[in-house]
Amino acid sequence: KNWSAARRLLSRTANHIARGVLGLKVKDATAGFR
């Protein structure tokens, strides 16, 4: 919520790359609430 389109794109791209390059199974590897 309340994210700009640019921030959403950056976050989704980073997660897509992390899943592809590292073989991660999670959808939100960049999340900080853990």
Full PDB file with SEQRES, HELIX, SHEET, SSBOND, CRYST1, ORIGX, SCALE, CONECT and MASTER records, all heavy atoms in Angstrom:
SEQRES   1 A   34  LYS ASN TRP SER ALA ALA ARG ARG LEU LEU SER ARG THR          
SEQRES   2 A   34  ALA ASN HIS ILE ALA ARG GLY VAL LEU GLY LEU LYS VAL          
SEQRES   3 A   34  LYS ASP ALA THR ALA GLY PHE ARG                              
HELIX    1 AA1 ALA A    5  LEU A   22  1                                  18    
CRYST1    1.000    1.000    1.000  90.00  90.00  90.00 P 1           1          
ORIGX1      1.000000  0.000000  0.000000        0.00000                         
ORIGX2      0.000000  1.000000  0.000000        0.00000                         
ORIGX3      0.000000  0.000000  1.000000        0.00000                         
SCALE1      1.000000  0.000000  0.000000        0.00000                         
SCALE2      0.000000  1.000000  0.000000        0.00000                         
SCALE3      0.000000  0.000000  1.000000        0.00000                         
ATOM      1  N   LYS A   1       0.839  -1.195   0.000  1.00  0.00           N  
ATOM      2  CA  LYS A   1       0.000   0.000   0.000  1.00  0.00           C  
ATOM      3  C   LYS A   1       0.876   1.247   0.000  1.00  0.00           C  
ATOM      4  O   LYS A   1       1.943   1.271   0.610  1.00  0.00           O  
ATOM      5  CB  LYS A   1      -0.909   0.014   1.228  1.00  0.00           C  
ATOM      6  CG  LYS A   1      -1.927  -1.096   1.220  1.00  0.00           C  
ATOM      7  CD  LYS A   1      -2.812  -1.029   2.446  1.00  0.00           C  
ATOM      8  CE  LYS A   1      -3.821  -2.163   2.405  1.00  0.00           C  
ATOM      9  NZ  LYS A   1      -4.666  -2.178   3.591  1.00  0.00           N  
ATOM     10  N   ASN A   2       0.416   2.263  -0.681  1.00  0.00           N  
ATOM     11  CA  ASN A   2       1.076   3.573  -0.734  1.00  0.00           C  
ATOM     12  C   ASN A   2       2.470   3.522  -1.347  1.00  0.00           C  
ATOM     13  O   ASN A   2       3.339   4.315  -0.987  1.00  0.00           O  
ATOM     14  CB  ASN A   2       1.137   4.208   0.659  1.00  0.00           C  
ATOM     15  CG  ASN A   2      -0.235   4.358   1.278  1.00  0.00           C  
ATOM     16  OD1 ASN A   2      -1.193   4.742   0.607  1.00  0.00           O  
ATOM     17  ND2 ASN A   2      -0.346   4.031   2.550  1.00  0.00           N  
ATOM     18  N   TRP A   3       2.701   2.575  -2.234  1.00  0.00           N  
ATOM     19  CA  TRP A   3       3.974   2.490  -2.935  1.00  0.00           C  
ATOM     20  C   TRP A   3       3.817   3.086  -4.320  1.00  0.00           C  
ATOM     21  O   TRP A   3       2.794   2.882  -4.986  1.00  0.00           O  
ATOM     22  CB  TRP A   3       4.418   1.038  -3.066  1.00  0.00           C  
ATOM     23  CG  TRP A   3       5.118   0.485  -1.870  1.00  0.00           C  
ATOM     24  CD1 TRP A   3       5.018   0.888  -0.583  1.00  0.00           C  
ATOM     25  CD2 TRP A   3       6.028  -0.617  -1.871  1.00  0.00           C  
ATOM     26  NE1 TRP A   3       5.806   0.115   0.228  1.00  0.00           N  
ATOM     27  CE2 TRP A   3       6.441  -0.821  -0.544  1.00  0.00           C  
ATOM     28  CE3 TRP A   3       6.524  -1.439  -2.858  1.00  0.00           C  
ATOM     29  CZ2 TRP A   3       7.335  -1.798  -0.182  1.00  0.00           C  
ATOM     30  CZ3 TRP A   3       7.415  -2.435  -2.502  1.00  0.00           C  
ATOM     31  CH2 TRP A   3       7.817  -2.603  -1.174  1.00  0.00           C  
ATOM     32  N   SER A   4       4.838   3.758  -4.777  1.00  0.00           N  
ATOM     33  CA  SER A   4       4.834   4.269  -6.150  1.00  0.00           C  
ATOM     34  C   SER A   4       5.013   3.105  -7.122  1.00  0.00           C  
ATOM     35  O   SER A   4       5.491   2.030  -6.748  1.00  0.00           O  
ATOM     36  CB  SER A   4       5.966   5.280  -6.334  1.00  0.00           C  
ATOM     37  OG  SER A   4       7.213   4.615  -6.265  1.00  0.00           O  
ATOM     38  N   ALA A   5       4.663   3.348  -8.363  1.00  0.00           N  
ATOM     39  CA  ALA A   5       4.835   2.324  -9.396  1.00  0.00           C  
ATOM     40  C   ALA A   5       6.313   1.953  -9.541  1.00  0.00           C  
ATOM     41  O   ALA A   5       6.648   0.779  -9.724  1.00  0.00           O  
ATOM     42  CB  ALA A   5       4.266   2.807 -10.723  1.00  0.00           C  
ATOM     43  N   ALA A   6       7.196   2.935  -9.423  1.00  0.00           N  
ATOM     44  CA  ALA A   6       8.638   2.674  -9.554  1.00  0.00           C  
ATOM     45  C   ALA A   6       9.134   1.775  -8.421  1.00  0.00           C  
ATOM     46  O   ALA A   6       9.930   0.856  -8.648  1.00  0.00           O  
ATOM     47  CB  ALA A   6       9.409   3.985  -9.567  1.00  0.00           C  
ATOM     48  N   ARG A   7       8.661   2.022  -7.204  1.00  0.00           N  
ATOM     49  CA  ARG A   7       9.098   1.205  -6.070  1.00  0.00           C  
ATOM     50  C   ARG A   7       8.561  -0.222  -6.209  1.00  0.00           C  
ATOM     51  O   ARG A   7       9.271  -1.190  -5.906  1.00  0.00           O  
ATOM     52  CB  ARG A   7       8.614   1.831  -4.758  1.00  0.00           C  
ATOM     53  CG  ARG A   7       9.145   1.112  -3.544  1.00  0.00           C  
ATOM     54  CD  ARG A   7       8.818   1.841  -2.274  1.00  0.00           C  
ATOM     55  NE  ARG A   7       9.305   1.091  -1.124  1.00  0.00           N  
ATOM     56  CZ  ARG A   7       8.999   1.345   0.128  1.00  0.00           C  
ATOM     57  NH1 ARG A   7       8.221   2.353   0.419  1.00  0.00           N  
ATOM     58  NH2 ARG A   7       9.472   0.620   1.104  1.00  0.00           N  
ATOM     59  N   ARG A   8       7.327  -0.363  -6.650  1.00  0.00           N  
ATOM     60  CA  ARG A   8       6.764  -1.709  -6.870  1.00  0.00           C  
ATOM     61  C   ARG A   8       7.570  -2.460  -7.921  1.00  0.00           C  
ATOM     62  O   ARG A   8       7.883  -3.637  -7.760  1.00  0.00           O  
ATOM     63  CB  ARG A   8       5.308  -1.598  -7.313  1.00  0.00           C  
ATOM     64  CG  ARG A   8       4.345  -1.393  -6.204  1.00  0.00           C  
ATOM     65  CD  ARG A   8       2.902  -1.590  -6.713  1.00  0.00           C  
ATOM     66  NE  ARG A   8       1.989  -1.412  -5.627  1.00  0.00           N  
ATOM     67  CZ  ARG A   8       1.213  -0.344  -5.478  1.00  0.00           C  
ATOM     68  NH1 ARG A   8       1.225   0.617  -6.373  1.00  0.00           N  
ATOM     69  NH2 ARG A   8       0.418  -0.256  -4.453  1.00  0.00           N  
ATOM     70  N   LEU A   9       7.887  -1.762  -9.016  1.00  0.00           N  
ATOM     71  CA  LEU A   9       8.640  -2.393 -10.098  1.00  0.00           C  
ATOM     72  C   LEU A   9      10.019  -2.826  -9.615  1.00  0.00           C  
ATOM     73  O   LEU A   9      10.459  -3.947  -9.897  1.00  0.00           O  
ATOM     74  CB  LEU A   9       8.764  -1.435 -11.288  1.00  0.00           C  
ATOM     75  CG  LEU A   9       9.577  -1.946 -12.481  1.00  0.00           C  
ATOM     76  CD1 LEU A   9       8.903  -3.174 -13.098  1.00  0.00           C  
ATOM     77  CD2 LEU A   9       9.747  -0.850 -13.524  1.00  0.00           C  
ATOM     78  N   LEU A  10      10.700  -1.964  -8.875  1.00  0.00           N  
ATOM     79  CA  LEU A  10      12.027  -2.293  -8.355  1.00  0.00           C  
ATOM     80  C   LEU A  10      11.963  -3.511  -7.437  1.00  0.00           C  
ATOM     81  O   LEU A  10      12.770  -4.440  -7.558  1.00  0.00           O  
ATOM     82  CB  LEU A  10      12.621  -1.098  -7.606  1.00  0.00           C  
ATOM     83  CG  LEU A  10      13.977  -1.324  -6.949  1.00  0.00           C  
ATOM     84  CD1 LEU A  10      15.038  -1.619  -8.003  1.00  0.00           C  
ATOM     85  CD2 LEU A  10      14.369  -0.101  -6.132  1.00  0.00           C  
ATOM     86  N   SER A  11      11.000  -3.538  -6.528  1.00  0.00           N  
ATOM     87  CA  SER A  11      10.873  -4.644  -5.587  1.00  0.00           C  
ATOM     88  C   SER A  11      10.545  -5.954  -6.303  1.00  0.00           C  
ATOM     89  O   SER A  11      11.158  -6.988  -6.041  1.00  0.00           O  
ATOM     90  CB  SER A  11       9.790  -4.318  -4.558  1.00  0.00           C  
ATOM     91  OG  SER A  11       9.609  -5.397  -3.678  1.00  0.00           O  
ATOM     92  N   ARG A  12       9.595  -5.908  -7.185  1.00  0.00           N  
ATOM     93  CA  ARG A  12       9.215  -7.137  -7.912  1.00  0.00           C  
ATOM     94  C   ARG A  12      10.359  -7.630  -8.792  1.00  0.00           C  
ATOM     95  O   ARG A  12      10.603  -8.837  -8.882  1.00  0.00           O  
ATOM     96  CB  ARG A  12       7.960  -6.895  -8.734  1.00  0.00           C  
ATOM     97  CG  ARG A  12       6.710  -6.807  -7.865  1.00  0.00           C  
ATOM     98  CD  ARG A  12       5.485  -7.207  -8.651  1.00  0.00           C  
ATOM     99  NE  ARG A  12       4.300  -7.143  -7.828  1.00  0.00           N  
ATOM    100  CZ  ARG A  12       3.779  -8.188  -7.190  1.00  0.00           C  
ATOM    101  NH1 ARG A  12       4.340  -9.360  -7.270  1.00  0.00           N  
ATOM    102  NH2 ARG A  12       2.681  -8.056  -6.470  1.00  0.00           N  
ATOM    103  N   THR A  13      11.082  -6.709  -9.416  1.00  0.00           N  
ATOM    104  CA  THR A  13      12.216  -7.096 -10.256  1.00  0.00           C  
ATOM    105  C   THR A  13      13.317  -7.736  -9.416  1.00  0.00           C  
ATOM    106  O   THR A  13      13.869  -8.770  -9.797  1.00  0.00           O  
ATOM    107  CB  THR A  13      12.761  -5.873 -11.028  1.00  0.00           C  
ATOM    108  OG1 THR A  13      11.707  -5.334 -11.830  1.00  0.00           O  
ATOM    109  CG2 THR A  13      13.936  -6.250 -11.902  1.00  0.00           C  
ATOM    110  N   ALA A  14      13.627  -7.129  -8.274  1.00  0.00           N  
ATOM    111  CA  ALA A  14      14.660  -7.691  -7.389  1.00  0.00           C  
ATOM    112  C   ALA A  14      14.278  -9.097  -6.936  1.00  0.00           C  
ATOM    113  O   ALA A  14      15.120 -10.002  -6.913  1.00  0.00           O  
ATOM    114  CB  ALA A  14      14.862  -6.773  -6.183  1.00  0.00           C  
ATOM    115  N   ASN A  15      13.025  -9.292  -6.592  1.00  0.00           N  
ATOM    116  CA  ASN A  15      12.573 -10.621  -6.168  1.00  0.00           C  
ATOM    117  C   ASN A  15      12.597 -11.619  -7.322  1.00  0.00           C  
ATOM    118  O   ASN A  15      12.978 -12.770  -7.136  1.00  0.00           O  
ATOM    119  CB  ASN A  15      11.174 -10.536  -5.545  1.00  0.00           C  
ATOM    120  CG  ASN A  15      11.244 -10.139  -4.093  1.00  0.00           C  
ATOM    121  OD1 ASN A  15      11.675 -10.909  -3.255  1.00  0.00           O  
ATOM    122  ND2 ASN A  15      10.847  -8.912  -3.806  1.00  0.00           N  
ATOM    123  N   HIS A  16      12.214 -11.183  -8.501  1.00  0.00           N  
ATOM    124  CA  HIS A  16      12.244 -12.061  -9.677  1.00  0.00           C  
ATOM    125  C   HIS A  16      13.682 -12.511  -9.980  1.00  0.00           C  
ATOM    126  O   HIS A  16      13.937 -13.692 -10.225  1.00  0.00           O  
ATOM    127  CB  HIS A  16      11.638 -11.333 -10.883  1.00  0.00           C  
ATOM    128  CG  HIS A  16      11.627 -12.138 -12.134  1.00  0.00           C  
ATOM    129  ND1 HIS A  16      10.769 -13.197 -12.332  1.00  0.00           N  
ATOM    130  CD2 HIS A  16      12.393 -12.056 -13.248  1.00  0.00           C  
ATOM    131  CE1 HIS A  16      11.006 -13.731 -13.518  1.00  0.00           C  
ATOM    132  NE2 HIS A  16      11.987 -13.042 -14.089  1.00  0.00           N  
ATOM    133  N   ILE A  17      14.602 -11.565  -9.927  1.00  0.00           N  
ATOM    134  CA  ILE A  17      16.011 -11.887 -10.184  1.00  0.00           C  
ATOM    135  C   ILE A  17      16.549 -12.833  -9.105  1.00  0.00           C  
ATOM    136  O   ILE A  17      17.235 -13.810  -9.407  1.00  0.00           O  
ATOM    137  CB  ILE A  17      16.861 -10.595 -10.272  1.00  0.00           C  
ATOM    138  CG1 ILE A  17      16.494  -9.833 -11.554  1.00  0.00           C  
ATOM    139  CG2 ILE A  17      18.351 -10.907 -10.238  1.00  0.00           C  
ATOM    140  CD1 ILE A  17      17.065  -8.434 -11.620  1.00  0.00           C  
ATOM    141  N   ALA A  18      16.220 -12.548  -7.833  1.00  0.00           N  
ATOM    142  CA  ALA A  18      16.695 -13.404  -6.737  1.00  0.00           C  
ATOM    143  C   ALA A  18      16.172 -14.834  -6.889  1.00  0.00           C  
ATOM    144  O   ALA A  18      16.919 -15.798  -6.688  1.00  0.00           O  
ATOM    145  CB  ALA A  18      16.261 -12.829  -5.388  1.00  0.00           C  
ATOM    146  N   ARG A  19      14.912 -14.965  -7.267  1.00  0.00           N  
ATOM    147  CA  ARG A  19      14.359 -16.314  -7.466  1.00  0.00           C  
ATOM    148  C   ARG A  19      15.044 -17.008  -8.638  1.00  0.00           C  
ATOM    149  O   ARG A  19      15.400 -18.186  -8.556  1.00  0.00           O  
ATOM    150  CB  ARG A  19      12.842 -16.242  -7.707  1.00  0.00           C  
ATOM    151  CG  ARG A  19      12.041 -16.048  -6.449  1.00  0.00           C  
ATOM    152  CD  ARG A  19      10.547 -16.283  -6.658  1.00  0.00           C  
ATOM    153  NE  ARG A  19       9.980 -15.525  -7.763  1.00  0.00           N  
ATOM    154  CZ  ARG A  19       9.526 -14.284  -7.683  1.00  0.00           C  
ATOM    155  NH1 ARG A  19       9.573 -13.659  -6.520  1.00  0.00           N  
ATOM    156  NH2 ARG A  19       9.017 -13.667  -8.728  1.00  0.00           N  
ATOM    157  N   GLY A  20      15.238 -16.271  -9.735  1.00  0.00           N  
ATOM    158  CA  GLY A  20      15.828 -16.880 -10.922  1.00  0.00           C  
ATOM    159  C   GLY A  20      17.290 -17.235 -10.756  1.00  0.00           C  
ATOM    160  O   GLY A  20      17.718 -18.349 -11.086  1.00  0.00           O  
ATOM    161  N   VAL A  21      18.076 -16.318 -10.221  1.00  0.00           N  
ATOM    162  CA  VAL A  21      19.524 -16.519 -10.112  1.00  0.00           C  
ATOM    163  C   VAL A  21      19.877 -17.473  -8.971  1.00  0.00           C  
ATOM    164  O   VAL A  21      20.748 -18.329  -9.112  1.00  0.00           O  
ATOM    165  CB  VAL A  21      20.247 -15.165  -9.921  1.00  0.00           C  
ATOM    166  CG1 VAL A  21      21.713 -15.348  -9.601  1.00  0.00           C  
ATOM    167  CG2 VAL A  21      20.070 -14.289 -11.163  1.00  0.00           C  
ATOM    168  N   LEU A  22      19.181 -17.346  -7.842  1.00  0.00           N  
ATOM    169  CA  LEU A  22      19.533 -18.131  -6.655  1.00  0.00           C  
ATOM    170  C   LEU A  22      18.634 -19.346  -6.441  1.00  0.00           C  
ATOM    171  O   LEU A  22      18.873 -20.131  -5.519  1.00  0.00           O  
ATOM    172  CB  LEU A  22      19.486 -17.243  -5.407  1.00  0.00           C  
ATOM    173  CG  LEU A  22      20.437 -16.044  -5.411  1.00  0.00           C  
ATOM    174  CD1 LEU A  22      20.191 -15.160  -4.204  1.00  0.00           C  
ATOM    175  CD2 LEU A  22      21.885 -16.504  -5.468  1.00  0.00           C  
ATOM    176  N   GLY A  23      17.599 -19.470  -7.231  1.00  0.00           N  
ATOM    177  CA  GLY A  23      16.686 -20.602  -7.074  1.00  0.00           C  
ATOM    178  C   GLY A  23      15.847 -20.530  -5.817  1.00  0.00           C  
ATOM    179  O   GLY A  23      15.444 -21.567  -5.281  1.00  0.00           O  
ATOM    180  N   LEU A  24      15.563 -19.327  -5.370  1.00  0.00           N  
ATOM    181  CA  LEU A  24      14.767 -19.175  -4.153  1.00  0.00           C  
ATOM    182  C   LEU A  24      13.320 -19.565  -4.416  1.00  0.00           C  
ATOM    183  O   LEU A  24      12.775 -19.288  -5.481  1.00  0.00           O  
ATOM    184  CB  LEU A  24      14.833 -17.733  -3.636  1.00  0.00           C  
ATOM    185  CG  LEU A  24      16.216 -17.248  -3.200  1.00  0.00           C  
ATOM    186  CD1 LEU A  24      16.158 -15.801  -2.750  1.00  0.00           C  
ATOM    187  CD2 LEU A  24      16.762 -18.126  -2.096  1.00  0.00           C  
ATOM    188  N   LYS A  25      12.707 -20.177  -3.429  1.00  0.00           N  
ATOM    189  CA  LYS A  25      11.321 -20.634  -3.570  1.00  0.00           C  
ATOM    190  C   LYS A  25      10.321 -19.625  -3.025  1.00  0.00           C  
ATOM    191  O   LYS A  25       9.124 -19.777  -3.221  1.00  0.00           O  
ATOM    192  CB  LYS A  25      11.156 -21.979  -2.877  1.00  0.00           C  
ATOM    193  CG  LYS A  25      11.980 -23.077  -3.531  1.00  0.00           C  
ATOM    194  CD  LYS A  25      11.820 -24.390  -2.801  1.00  0.00           C  
ATOM    195  CE  LYS A  25      12.542 -25.489  -3.551  1.00  0.00           C  
ATOM    196  NZ  LYS A  25      13.832 -25.799  -3.021  1.00  0.00           N  
ATOM    197  N   VAL A  26      10.780 -18.607  -2.320  1.00  0.00           N  
ATOM    198  CA  VAL A  26       9.873 -17.624  -1.729  1.00  0.00           C  
ATOM    199  C   VAL A  26       9.533 -16.533  -2.741  1.00  0.00           C  
ATOM    200  O   VAL A  26      10.285 -16.293  -3.687  1.00  0.00           O  
ATOM    201  CB  VAL A  26      10.460 -16.992  -0.449  1.00  0.00           C  
ATOM    202  CG1 VAL A  26      10.767 -18.055   0.591  1.00  0.00           C  
ATOM    203  CG2 VAL A  26      11.701 -16.177  -0.746  1.00  0.00           C  
ATOM    204  N   LYS A  27       8.421 -15.875  -2.514  1.00  0.00           N  
ATOM    205  CA  LYS A  27       7.976 -14.803  -3.405  1.00  0.00           C  
ATOM    206  C   LYS A  27       8.523 -13.440  -3.005  1.00  0.00           C  
ATOM    207  O   LYS A  27       8.569 -12.533  -3.813  1.00  0.00           O  
ATOM    208  CB  LYS A  27       6.449 -14.760  -3.434  1.00  0.00           C  
ATOM    209  CG  LYS A  27       5.836 -15.999  -4.036  1.00  0.00           C  
ATOM    210  CD  LYS A  27       4.327 -15.937  -3.998  1.00  0.00           C  
ATOM    211  CE  LYS A  27       3.763 -17.220  -4.594  1.00  0.00           C  
ATOM    212  NZ  LYS A  27       2.312 -17.290  -4.472  1.00  0.00           N  
ATOM    213  N   ASP A  28       8.905 -13.288  -1.720  1.00  0.00           N  
ATOM    214  CA  ASP A  28       9.325 -11.980  -1.223  1.00  0.00           C  
ATOM    215  C   ASP A  28      10.629 -12.085  -0.439  1.00  0.00           C  
ATOM    216  O   ASP A  28      10.661 -11.912   0.780  1.00  0.00           O  
ATOM    217  CB  ASP A  28       8.213 -11.383  -0.364  1.00  0.00           C  
ATOM    218  CG  ASP A  28       8.339  -9.883  -0.181  1.00  0.00           C  
ATOM    219  OD1 ASP A  28       9.366  -9.309  -0.603  1.00  0.00           O  
ATOM    220  OD2 ASP A  28       7.418  -9.281   0.383  1.00  0.00           O  
ATOM    221  N   ALA A  29      11.713 -12.343  -1.156  1.00  0.00           N  
ATOM    222  CA  ALA A  29      13.024 -12.519  -0.516  1.00  0.00           C  
ATOM    223  C   ALA A  29      13.604 -11.210   0.012  1.00  0.00           C  
ATOM    224  O   ALA A  29      14.505 -11.229   0.852  1.00  0.00           O  
ATOM    225  CB  ALA A  29      14.003 -13.143  -1.504  1.00  0.00           C  
ATOM    226  N   THR A  30      13.110 -10.063  -0.453  1.00  0.00           N  
ATOM    227  CA  THR A  30      13.663  -8.779  -0.019  1.00  0.00           C  
ATOM    228  C   THR A  30      12.941  -8.209   1.201  1.00  0.00           C  
ATOM    229  O   THR A  30      13.354  -7.175   1.723  1.00  0.00           O  
ATOM    230  CB  THR A  30      13.612  -7.748  -1.164  1.00  0.00           C  
ATOM    231  OG1 THR A  30      12.254  -7.522  -1.539  1.00  0.00           O  
ATOM    232  CG2 THR A  30      14.428  -8.209  -2.357  1.00  0.00           C  
ATOM    233  N   ALA A  31      11.885  -8.867   1.650  1.00  0.00           N  
ATOM    234  CA  ALA A  31      11.104  -8.357   2.776  1.00  0.00           C  
ATOM    235  C   ALA A  31      11.933  -8.296   4.049  1.00  0.00           C  
ATOM    236  O   ALA A  31      12.698  -9.208   4.345  1.00  0.00           O  
ATOM    237  CB  ALA A  31       9.869  -9.232   2.997  1.00  0.00           C  
ATOM    238  N   GLY A  32      11.736  -7.229   4.827  1.00  0.00           N  
ATOM    239  CA  GLY A  32      12.493  -7.047   6.057  1.00  0.00           C  
ATOM    240  C   GLY A  32      11.739  -7.386   7.324  1.00  0.00           C  
ATOM    241  O   GLY A  32      12.311  -7.372   8.405  1.00  0.00           O  
ATOM    242  N   PHE A  33      10.445  -7.685   7.221  1.00  0.00           N  
ATOM    243  CA  PHE A  33       9.643  -8.039   8.399  1.00  0.00           C  
ATOM    244  C   PHE A  33       9.691  -9.548   8.523  1.00  0.00           C  
ATOM    245  O   PHE A  33       9.095 -10.282   7.738  1.00  0.00           O  
ATOM    246  CB  PHE A  33       8.215  -7.544   8.188  1.00  0.00           C  
ATOM    247  CG  PHE A  33       7.362  -7.492   9.431  1.00  0.00           C  
ATOM    248  CD1 PHE A  33       7.890  -7.571  10.707  1.00  0.00           C  
ATOM    249  CD2 PHE A  33       5.992  -7.322   9.306  1.00  0.00           C  
ATOM    250  CE1 PHE A  33       7.084  -7.506  11.827  1.00  0.00           C  
ATOM    251  CE2 PHE A  33       5.174  -7.248  10.423  1.00  0.00           C  
ATOM    252  CZ  PHE A  33       5.721  -7.335  11.678  1.00  0.00           C  
ATOM    253  N   ARG A  34      10.442 -10.039   9.521  1.00  0.00           N  
ATOM    254  CA  ARG A  34      10.752 -11.470   9.611  1.00  0.00           C  
ATOM    255  C   ARG A  34      10.770 -11.954  11.047  1.00  0.00           C  
ATOM    256  O   ARG A  34      11.047 -11.204  11.968  1.00  0.00           O  
ATOM    257  CB  ARG A  34      12.134 -11.736   9.010  1.00  0.00           C  
ATOM    258  CG  ARG A  34      12.196 -11.452   7.538  1.00  0.00           C  
ATOM    259  CD  ARG A  34      13.615 -11.439   7.023  1.00  0.00           C  
ATOM    260  NE  ARG A  34      13.569 -11.374   5.571  1.00  0.00           N  
ATOM    261  CZ  ARG A  34      14.155 -12.237   4.771  1.00  0.00           C  
ATOM    262  NH1 ARG A  34      14.889 -13.206   5.257  1.00  0.00           N  
ATOM    263  NH2 ARG A  34      14.049 -12.112   3.465  1.00  0.00           N  
TER     264      ARG A  34                                                      
MASTER        0    0    0    1    0    0    0    6  263    1    0    3          
END                                                                             
